[in-house]
C-alpha cells in the first residue's frame, strides 16, 4: 500500500525524526491549524540527509540544491512533516496521553532486546543519535503505538500465523551456527591514529611518524594477545575469568566473552572463518586479527542447519503480523486524514506539485548532464 514504508518509519521505528531545534519560524506549510516552519523542514532534511545511504557513500545532496536527489528528499520530507502534523492532531483529538512510565517501559524493552544499556548506547552512537533525540523518538513511537490501539486492529490469529509460516519457508531456515566466546584486544588503526592526533604533543606530527606510532601500538596489542592466549591454553577452564579481566569488548566482557549462537554471516569474515573451523571446547591456535583488533576464540557448542518449528516461531510471527496490521491501519487513517485536511503551501517551494515538476525536469536533463560529465572526465 502506498506510503507504508514511510508510516512504518514514523510509527514503529526508534529512528523517528524529532521536530525540535527550530532555526526559523517562517511558516511554509499549514495543515489545518498546525503551522510547519522552515526550521522544522531544514532540521528534518539535515537529519535524514546525514543518516542516508548516500551520506554513508560520501555524497552530500545539500551541496547541489537543484539536484535530482535533493528534490526526491525534499518531496519525502514535506510528506513526512504533513503526516506527522496530521497524526499529532489525531492523537490530541483522541485524548491520548503518554507518561514517563510508558517511555521508560519502552526504553527498557529496547535495552533488553539489544543486550543491555551499554549495547543500546553503542548502537545510538553508531547512528549519531543523542540520548535526547532517542528519548524523543521513543516518545513518538509510544504515541503512535497508543494511537494504533484506538483503531480497533484485531490481533493476529494462529491460522494467520500458520499461513505466513507455510508461505515463507525460507524465512525459517536456520543455517549452521556455533556458540563461541572471545577475548578482544582492541587494535583499530584508525582509532589509534585519531587518539594520537588528539594528543597536543603530536598535533603537527608528520603522517610518517603517526603511521610508525600506530604500527607500534598494533604490535603491542598483538604481543599482549599472544601472551594472553598462552595463559588461556594453559588453563582453558578459566577462559571466562580471563575474558572478564582482559577483554575490551564491552558487549561480551561481563558475560565471560560469551557471544551466544551465531551464523557465519553475523560476524566479520576473519572471525567466522576461524570459529567455524573449530570443534566444540577448542581454542584458536593464534589470535585472529580483524578490523576490531585481536580475538582469542573458544568455540563451546555447535548446531547443524535446521528449520525453526512453527510453535517456536509462532510468537514472533504473530508480533510481526500485528505490527503489519498496525502499520496498515495507520496508513489508512493517514490517507483518510489527508483527504479531509486543509493543507496550504504558504511557500510554493514546498508544494508537492512544484517539486514533482522539478523532478521531471531533472529526469529530462539527465542524459545531457551525463554526456557533459563524460566529456569532462575525458579532458
Protein backbone atom coordinates (compact mmCIF):
# COMPACT_ATOMS: atom_id res chain seq x y z
CA UNK A 1 0.00 0.00 0.00
CA UNK A 2 1.20 3.50 -0.87
CA UNK A 3 3.10 5.19 1.95
CA UNK A 4 3.51 2.04 4.02
CA UNK A 5 7.27 2.30 4.35
CA UNK A 6 7.00 5.91 5.39
CA UNK A 7 4.41 5.14 8.05
CA UNK A 8 6.36 2.16 9.30
CA UNK A 9 9.23 4.51 9.98
CA UNK A 10 7.04 7.18 11.52
CA UNK A 11 5.04 4.86 13.73
CA UNK A 12 7.12 1.96 14.86
CA UNK A 13 10.81 2.74 14.45
CA UNK A 14 13.09 4.26 17.06
CA UNK A 15 14.63 6.35 14.34
CA UNK A 16 11.59 8.66 14.05
CA UNK A 17 12.92 12.13 13.50
CA UNK A 18 12.18 14.77 16.14
CA UNK A 19 10.95 18.27 15.30
CA UNK A 20 12.89 20.27 17.89
CA UNK A 21 15.73 22.73 17.34
CA UNK A 22 13.79 25.08 15.05
CA UNK A 23 16.09 27.61 13.39
CA UNK A 24 13.49 29.69 11.59
CA UNK A 25 9.88 30.46 12.47
CA UNK A 26 8.78 31.21 8.92
CA UNK A 27 5.68 29.16 8.16
CA UNK A 28 5.98 27.23 4.90
CA UNK A 29 3.02 24.81 5.18
CA UNK A 30 -0.25 24.91 7.09
CA UNK A 31 -2.01 21.64 7.96
CA UNK A 32 -5.42 22.56 9.35
CA UNK A 33 -4.43 24.64 12.40
CA UNK A 34 -0.83 23.40 12.54
CA UNK A 35 1.98 25.55 11.13
CA UNK A 36 5.08 23.83 9.77
CA UNK A 37 8.12 26.12 9.77
CA UNK A 38 11.14 26.30 7.53
CA UNK A 39 13.25 25.43 10.57
CA UNK A 40 11.38 22.15 11.10
CA UNK A 41 11.86 21.31 7.43
CA UNK A 42 15.57 22.17 7.47
CA UNK A 43 16.21 20.12 10.59
CA UNK A 44 14.44 17.03 9.26
CA UNK A 45 16.16 17.44 5.88
CA UNK A 46 19.56 17.66 7.56
CA UNK A 47 18.91 14.69 9.85
CA UNK A 48 17.67 12.45 7.06
CA UNK A 49 20.44 13.52 4.68
CA UNK A 50 23.16 12.86 7.27
CA UNK A 51 21.80 9.39 8.02
CA UNK A 52 21.04 8.33 4.45
CA UNK A 53 22.85 5.67 2.42
CA UNK A 54 24.10 8.44 0.14
CA UNK A 55 25.76 10.19 3.10
CA UNK A 56 27.49 6.92 4.04
CA UNK A 57 28.83 6.83 0.47
CA UNK A 58 30.20 10.36 0.89
CA UNK A 59 27.53 12.02 -1.28
CA UNK A 60 26.15 15.28 0.14
CA UNK A 61 22.88 16.09 -1.59
CA UNK A 62 22.71 19.52 0.03
CA UNK A 63 25.72 20.65 -1.98
CA UNK A 64 23.62 20.74 -5.15
CA UNK A 65 20.28 22.21 -4.13
CA UNK A 66 18.73 21.70 -7.55
CA UNK A 67 19.84 18.10 -7.99
CA UNK A 68 17.61 15.10 -8.59
CA UNK A 69 18.30 13.50 -5.18
CA UNK A 70 17.72 16.84 -3.46
CA UNK A 71 14.19 17.11 -4.88
CA UNK A 72 13.37 13.48 -4.08
CA UNK A 73 14.46 14.05 -0.49
CA UNK A 74 12.53 17.32 -0.32
CA UNK A 75 9.40 15.53 -1.56
CA UNK A 76 9.75 12.88 1.14
CA UNK A 77 10.43 15.42 3.93
CA UNK A 78 7.37 17.53 3.03
CA UNK A 79 5.20 14.40 3.13
CA UNK A 80 6.77 13.33 6.44
CA UNK A 81 6.03 16.68 8.05
CA UNK A 82 2.42 16.69 6.86
CA UNK A 83 1.88 13.14 8.10
CA UNK A 84 3.41 13.99 11.49
CA UNK A 85 1.15 17.03 11.81
CA UNK A 86 -1.98 15.06 10.92
CA UNK A 87 -1.18 12.22 13.30
CA UNK A 88 -0.33 14.64 16.11
CA UNK A 89 -3.71 16.32 15.61
CA UNK A 90 -5.43 12.94 15.73
CA UNK A 91 -3.60 11.99 18.93
CA UNK A 92 -4.81 15.21 20.55
CA UNK A 93 -8.33 14.69 19.26
CA UNK A 94 -8.49 11.19 20.77
CA UNK A 95 -7.12 12.37 24.11
CA UNK A 96 -4.12 10.03 24.03
CA UNK A 97 -1.65 10.69 26.87
CA UNK A 98 1.93 9.42 27.25
CA UNK A 99 3.51 9.15 30.70
CA UNK A 100 7.15 8.86 31.77
CA UNK A 101 6.41 5.28 32.83
CA UNK A 102 5.24 4.49 29.27
CA UNK A 103 8.50 5.86 27.85
CA UNK A 104 10.72 4.14 30.43
CA UNK A 105 8.98 0.81 29.84
CA UNK A 106 9.59 1.08 26.09
CA UNK A 107 13.25 2.01 26.63
CA UNK A 108 13.74 -0.96 28.96
CA UNK A 109 12.21 -3.28 26.36
CA UNK A 110 14.58 -1.91 23.73
CA UNK A 111 17.56 -2.33 26.06
CA UNK A 112 16.61 -5.95 26.74
CA UNK A 113 16.15 -6.67 23.03
CA UNK A 114 19.64 -5.44 22.06
CA UNK A 115 21.54 -6.85 25.02
CA UNK A 116 21.55 -4.16 27.69
CA UNK A 117 22.18 -0.48 28.33
CA UNK A 118 25.77 -0.45 27.07
CA UNK A 119 24.85 -2.13 23.79
CA UNK A 120 21.99 0.30 23.23
CA UNK A 121 24.30 3.26 23.88
CA UNK A 122 26.77 1.81 21.40
CA UNK A 123 24.09 1.47 18.72
CA UNK A 124 22.91 5.05 19.28
CA UNK A 125 26.47 6.31 18.97
CA UNK A 126 27.00 4.36 15.75
CA UNK A 127 23.90 6.02 14.26
CA UNK A 128 24.77 9.50 15.59
CA UNK A 129 21.65 9.64 17.78
CA UNK A 130 21.90 11.57 21.06
CA UNK A 131 20.17 10.41 24.24
CA UNK A 132 17.79 13.39 23.99
CA UNK A 133 16.91 12.53 20.38
CA UNK A 134 16.44 8.90 21.30
CA UNK A 135 14.07 9.71 24.15
CA UNK A 136 12.05 11.98 21.85
CA UNK A 137 11.95 9.21 19.24
CA UNK A 138 10.71 6.74 21.85
CA UNK A 139 8.03 9.22 22.90
CA UNK A 140 6.82 9.41 19.30
CA UNK A 141 6.94 5.65 18.92
CA UNK A 142 4.84 5.08 22.06
CA UNK A 143 2.43 7.78 20.91
CA UNK A 144 1.88 6.03 17.58
CA UNK A 145 1.53 2.64 19.29
CA UNK A 146 -1.21 4.06 21.51
CA UNK A 147 -2.91 5.63 18.50
CA UNK A 148 -2.91 2.26 16.72
CA UNK A 149 -4.58 0.65 19.74
CA UNK A 150 -7.53 3.02 19.30
CA UNK A 151 -8.05 1.90 15.68
CA UNK A 152 -9.60 -1.46 16.54
CA UNK A 153 -6.87 -3.61 14.99
CA UNK A 154 -7.55 -7.30 15.67
CA UNK A 155 -4.59 -9.40 16.90
CA UNK A 156 -3.17 -12.00 14.53
CA UNK A 157 -4.70 -15.46 14.87
CA UNK A 158 -2.97 -18.85 14.94
CA UNK A 159 -4.42 -19.52 11.48
CA UNK A 160 -2.88 -16.33 10.07
CA UNK A 161 0.46 -17.16 11.67
CA UNK A 162 0.39 -20.70 10.23
CA UNK A 163 -0.42 -19.36 6.76
CA UNK A 164 2.52 -16.96 6.93
CA UNK A 165 4.80 -19.78 8.11
CA UNK A 166 3.75 -22.04 5.21
CA UNK A 167 4.03 -19.26 2.62
CA UNK A 168 7.51 -18.17 3.71
CA UNK A 169 9.52 -21.35 4.30
CA UNK A 170 12.91 -19.74 3.61
CA UNK A 171 12.44 -17.30 6.48
CA UNK A 172 12.52 -20.17 8.96
CA UNK A 173 15.57 -21.98 7.65
CA UNK A 174 18.30 -21.81 10.28
CA UNK A 175 21.88 -22.01 8.93
CA UNK A 176 24.64 -23.85 10.74
CA UNK A 177 25.59 -21.97 13.90
CA UNK A 178 28.29 -22.09 16.51
CA UNK A 179 28.41 -20.74 20.03
CA UNK A 180 31.66 -19.08 20.91
CA UNK A 181 33.33 -16.87 23.48
CA UNK A 182 36.13 -14.45 22.72
CA UNK A 183 38.62 -12.14 24.32
CA UNK A 184 39.23 -8.98 22.31
CA UNK A 185 42.40 -6.94 22.49
CA UNK A 186 41.24 -3.79 20.71
CA UNK A 187 43.52 -2.54 17.94
CA UNK A 188 41.80 -0.42 15.31
CA UNK A 189 44.39 1.54 13.27
CA UNK A 190 42.01 4.44 12.56
CA UNK A 191 41.00 4.81 16.21
CA UNK A 192 44.62 4.59 17.35
CA UNK A 193 45.66 7.28 14.84
CA UNK A 194 42.80 9.55 15.92
CA UNK A 195 43.77 9.16 19.57
CA UNK A 196 47.38 10.06 18.78
CA UNK A 197 46.36 13.14 16.80
CA UNK A 198 44.20 14.38 19.68
CA UNK A 199 47.31 14.48 21.87
CA UNK A 200 48.63 18.07 21.68
CA UNK A 201 52.20 16.71 21.51
CA UNK A 202 51.53 15.18 18.09
CA UNK A 203 49.17 17.80 16.68
CA UNK A 204 51.56 18.73 13.86
CA UNK A 205 53.37 15.41 13.60
CA UNK A 206 54.01 14.16 10.02
CA UNK A 207 51.99 11.20 8.76
CA UNK A 208 55.10 9.00 8.67
CA UNK A 209 55.52 9.49 12.43
CA UNK A 210 51.83 8.86 13.10
CA UNK A 211 51.96 5.70 10.97
CA UNK A 212 55.02 4.43 12.85
CA UNK A 213 53.32 5.04 16.20
CA UNK A 214 50.19 3.24 15.02
CA UNK A 215 52.25 0.21 13.97
CA UNK A 216 53.97 0.23 17.34
CA UNK A 217 50.59 0.14 19.14
CA UNK A 218 49.37 -2.66 16.86
CA UNK A 219 52.49 -4.69 17.65
CA UNK A 220 51.92 -4.17 21.37
CA UNK A 221 48.32 -5.35 21.04
CA UNK A 222 49.39 -8.46 19.12
CA UNK A 223 52.06 -9.25 21.71
CA UNK A 224 49.51 -8.84 24.52
CA UNK A 225 47.07 -11.12 22.69
CA UNK A 226 49.72 -13.82 22.21
CA UNK A 227 50.77 -13.67 25.86
CA UNK A 228 47.17 -13.94 26.98
CA UNK A 229 46.50 -16.82 24.58
CA UNK A 230 49.33 -18.77 26.18
CA UNK A 231 47.73 -18.30 29.62
CA UNK A 232 44.31 -19.32 28.29
CA UNK A 233 45.68 -22.50 26.71
CA UNK A 234 47.44 -23.38 29.92
CA UNK A 235 44.13 -23.20 31.81
CA UNK A 236 41.15 -23.29 29.36
CA UNK A 237 38.62 -23.68 32.18
CA UNK A 238 39.44 -20.13 33.27
CA UNK A 239 38.53 -18.63 29.86
CA UNK A 240 35.54 -16.77 31.31
CA UNK A 241 37.70 -15.30 34.08
CA UNK A 242 40.38 -14.20 31.61
CA UNK A 243 37.71 -12.58 29.41
CA UNK A 244 36.19 -10.61 32.28
CA UNK A 245 39.61 -9.38 33.32
CA UNK A 246 41.13 -8.65 29.90
CA UNK A 247 38.60 -8.41 27.07
CA UNK A 248 37.96 -4.98 25.56
CA UNK A 249 34.60 -5.92 24.04
CA UNK A 250 32.01 -4.19 26.30
CA UNK A 251 29.18 -6.25 24.82
CA UNK A 252 30.53 -9.64 25.94
CA UNK A 253 33.19 -8.92 28.57
CA UNK A 254 30.87 -9.16 31.59
CA UNK A 255 29.44 -12.41 30.21
CA UNK A 256 32.87 -14.03 30.17
CA UNK A 257 33.23 -13.34 26.47
CA UNK A 258 30.13 -15.36 25.54
CA UNK A 259 28.67 -14.31 22.17
CA UNK A 260 25.88 -16.88 22.09
CA UNK A 261 25.00 -18.75 18.90
CA UNK A 262 25.62 -17.05 15.55
CA UNK A 263 25.75 -17.89 11.85
CA UNK A 264 28.80 -17.28 9.70
CA UNK A 265 27.29 -14.13 8.17
CA UNK A 266 26.75 -12.49 11.54
CA UNK A 267 30.45 -11.97 12.24
CA UNK A 268 33.31 -10.40 10.30
CA UNK A 269 34.82 -12.92 7.82
CA UNK A 270 38.10 -13.46 9.69
CA UNK A 271 36.28 -14.27 12.92
CA UNK A 272 33.72 -16.56 11.28
CA UNK A 273 36.32 -18.48 9.29
CA UNK A 274 38.21 -19.39 12.46
CA UNK A 275 35.15 -20.02 14.66
CA UNK A 276 33.51 -22.37 12.14
CA UNK A 277 36.75 -24.32 11.70
CA UNK A 278 36.95 -25.17 15.40
CA UNK A 279 35.34 -28.05 17.22
CA UNK A 280 33.46 -27.51 20.50
CA UNK A 281 35.72 -26.91 23.52
CA UNK A 282 38.66 -25.87 21.36
CA UNK A 283 40.58 -22.59 21.20
CA UNK A 284 42.04 -20.75 18.19
CA UNK A 285 45.67 -21.64 17.51
CA UNK A 286 46.61 -17.96 17.36
CA UNK A 287 44.88 -14.61 17.87
CA UNK A 288 42.60 -13.77 14.94
CA UNK A 289 43.12 -10.29 13.54
CA UNK A 290 40.08 -8.28 12.38
CA UNK A 291 39.19 -4.61 11.97
CA UNK A 292 38.45 -4.53 15.71
CA UNK A 293 41.76 -5.97 16.89
CA UNK A 294 42.93 -9.41 18.00
CA UNK A 295 40.48 -12.13 19.06
CA UNK A 296 41.15 -15.20 21.16
CA UNK A 297 38.28 -17.52 20.25
CA UNK A 298 36.87 -20.53 22.07
CA UNK A 299 34.02 -22.48 20.48
CA UNK A 300 31.72 -24.02 23.10
CA UNK A 301 28.90 -25.56 21.04
CA UNK A 302 27.70 -26.17 17.52
CA UNK A 303 24.28 -26.55 15.84
CA UNK A 304 23.61 -28.02 12.41
CA UNK A 305 21.40 -26.29 9.87
CA UNK A 306 17.72 -26.80 10.67
CA UNK A 307 14.21 -25.40 10.32
CA UNK A 308 12.50 -23.47 13.13
CA UNK A 309 9.36 -25.37 14.21
CA UNK A 310 6.10 -23.45 13.82
CA UNK A 311 5.27 -23.48 17.55
CA UNK A 312 8.61 -21.87 18.35
CA UNK A 313 8.27 -19.29 15.57
CA UNK A 314 4.59 -18.51 16.27
CA UNK A 315 5.10 -15.72 18.85
CA UNK A 316 7.50 -13.85 16.56
CA UNK A 317 5.22 -14.36 13.54
CA UNK A 318 2.23 -13.00 15.45
CA UNK A 319 4.23 -9.99 16.63
CA UNK A 320 5.28 -9.31 13.04
CA UNK A 321 1.73 -9.66 11.70
CA UNK A 322 0.36 -7.43 14.47
CA UNK A 323 2.97 -4.86 13.53
CA UNK A 324 2.00 -5.02 9.85
CA UNK A 325 -1.69 -4.71 10.69
CA UNK A 326 -0.94 -1.66 12.82
CA UNK A 327 1.03 -0.03 10.02
CA UNK A 328 -1.75 -0.71 7.52
CA UNK A 329 -4.39 0.72 9.86
CA UNK A 330 -2.25 3.81 10.46
CA UNK A 331 -1.66 4.13 6.73
CA UNK A 332 -5.40 4.02 6.04
CA UNK A 333 -6.04 6.57 8.77
CA UNK A 334 -3.44 8.92 7.33
CA UNK A 335 -4.83 8.69 3.80
CA UNK A 336 -8.29 9.49 5.20
CA UNK A 337 -6.98 12.44 7.24
CA UNK A 338 -5.19 13.82 4.17
CA UNK A 339 -8.41 13.82 2.16
CA UNK A 340 -10.25 15.72 4.90
CA UNK A 341 -7.45 18.12 5.80
CA UNK A 342 -6.97 21.67 4.68
CA UNK A 343 -3.35 21.80 3.53
CA UNK A 344 -1.96 25.16 2.42
CA UNK A 345 1.51 25.53 0.89
CA UNK A 346 2.38 29.04 2.08
CA UNK A 347 5.71 28.86 0.27
CA UNK A 348 5.32 27.37 -3.22
CA UNK A 349 8.81 25.86 -2.94
CA UNK A 350 7.23 23.19 -0.70
CA UNK A 351 4.25 22.44 -2.92
CA UNK A 352 4.48 18.74 -3.96
CA UNK A 353 3.24 19.62 -7.46
CA UNK A 354 6.09 22.12 -7.91
CA UNK A 355 8.63 19.67 -6.50
CA UNK A 356 7.37 16.99 -8.91
CA UNK A 357 7.85 19.39 -11.84
CA UNK A 358 11.49 19.88 -10.81
CA UNK A 359 11.98 16.11 -10.52
CA UNK A 360 10.62 15.60 -14.04
CA UNK A 361 12.87 18.36 -15.32
CA UNK A 362 15.89 16.67 -13.75
CA UNK A 363 14.93 13.35 -15.37
CA UNK A 364 14.69 15.01 -18.79
CA UNK A 365 18.04 16.76 -18.38
CA UNK A 366 19.82 13.68 -17.01
CA UNK A 367 21.16 12.39 -20.40
CA UNK A 368 22.64 15.83 -21.14
CA UNK A 369 24.32 16.01 -17.72
CA UNK A 370 25.75 12.51 -18.14
CA UNK A 371 27.29 13.44 -21.50
CA UNK A 372 28.78 16.61 -20.01
CA UNK A 373 30.26 14.62 -17.14
CA UNK A 374 31.78 12.09 -19.55
CA UNK A 375 33.34 14.89 -21.60
CA UNK A 376 34.89 16.49 -18.52
CA UNK A 377 36.34 13.12 -17.45
CA UNK A 378 37.99 12.66 -20.85
CA UNK A 379 39.64 16.06 -20.52
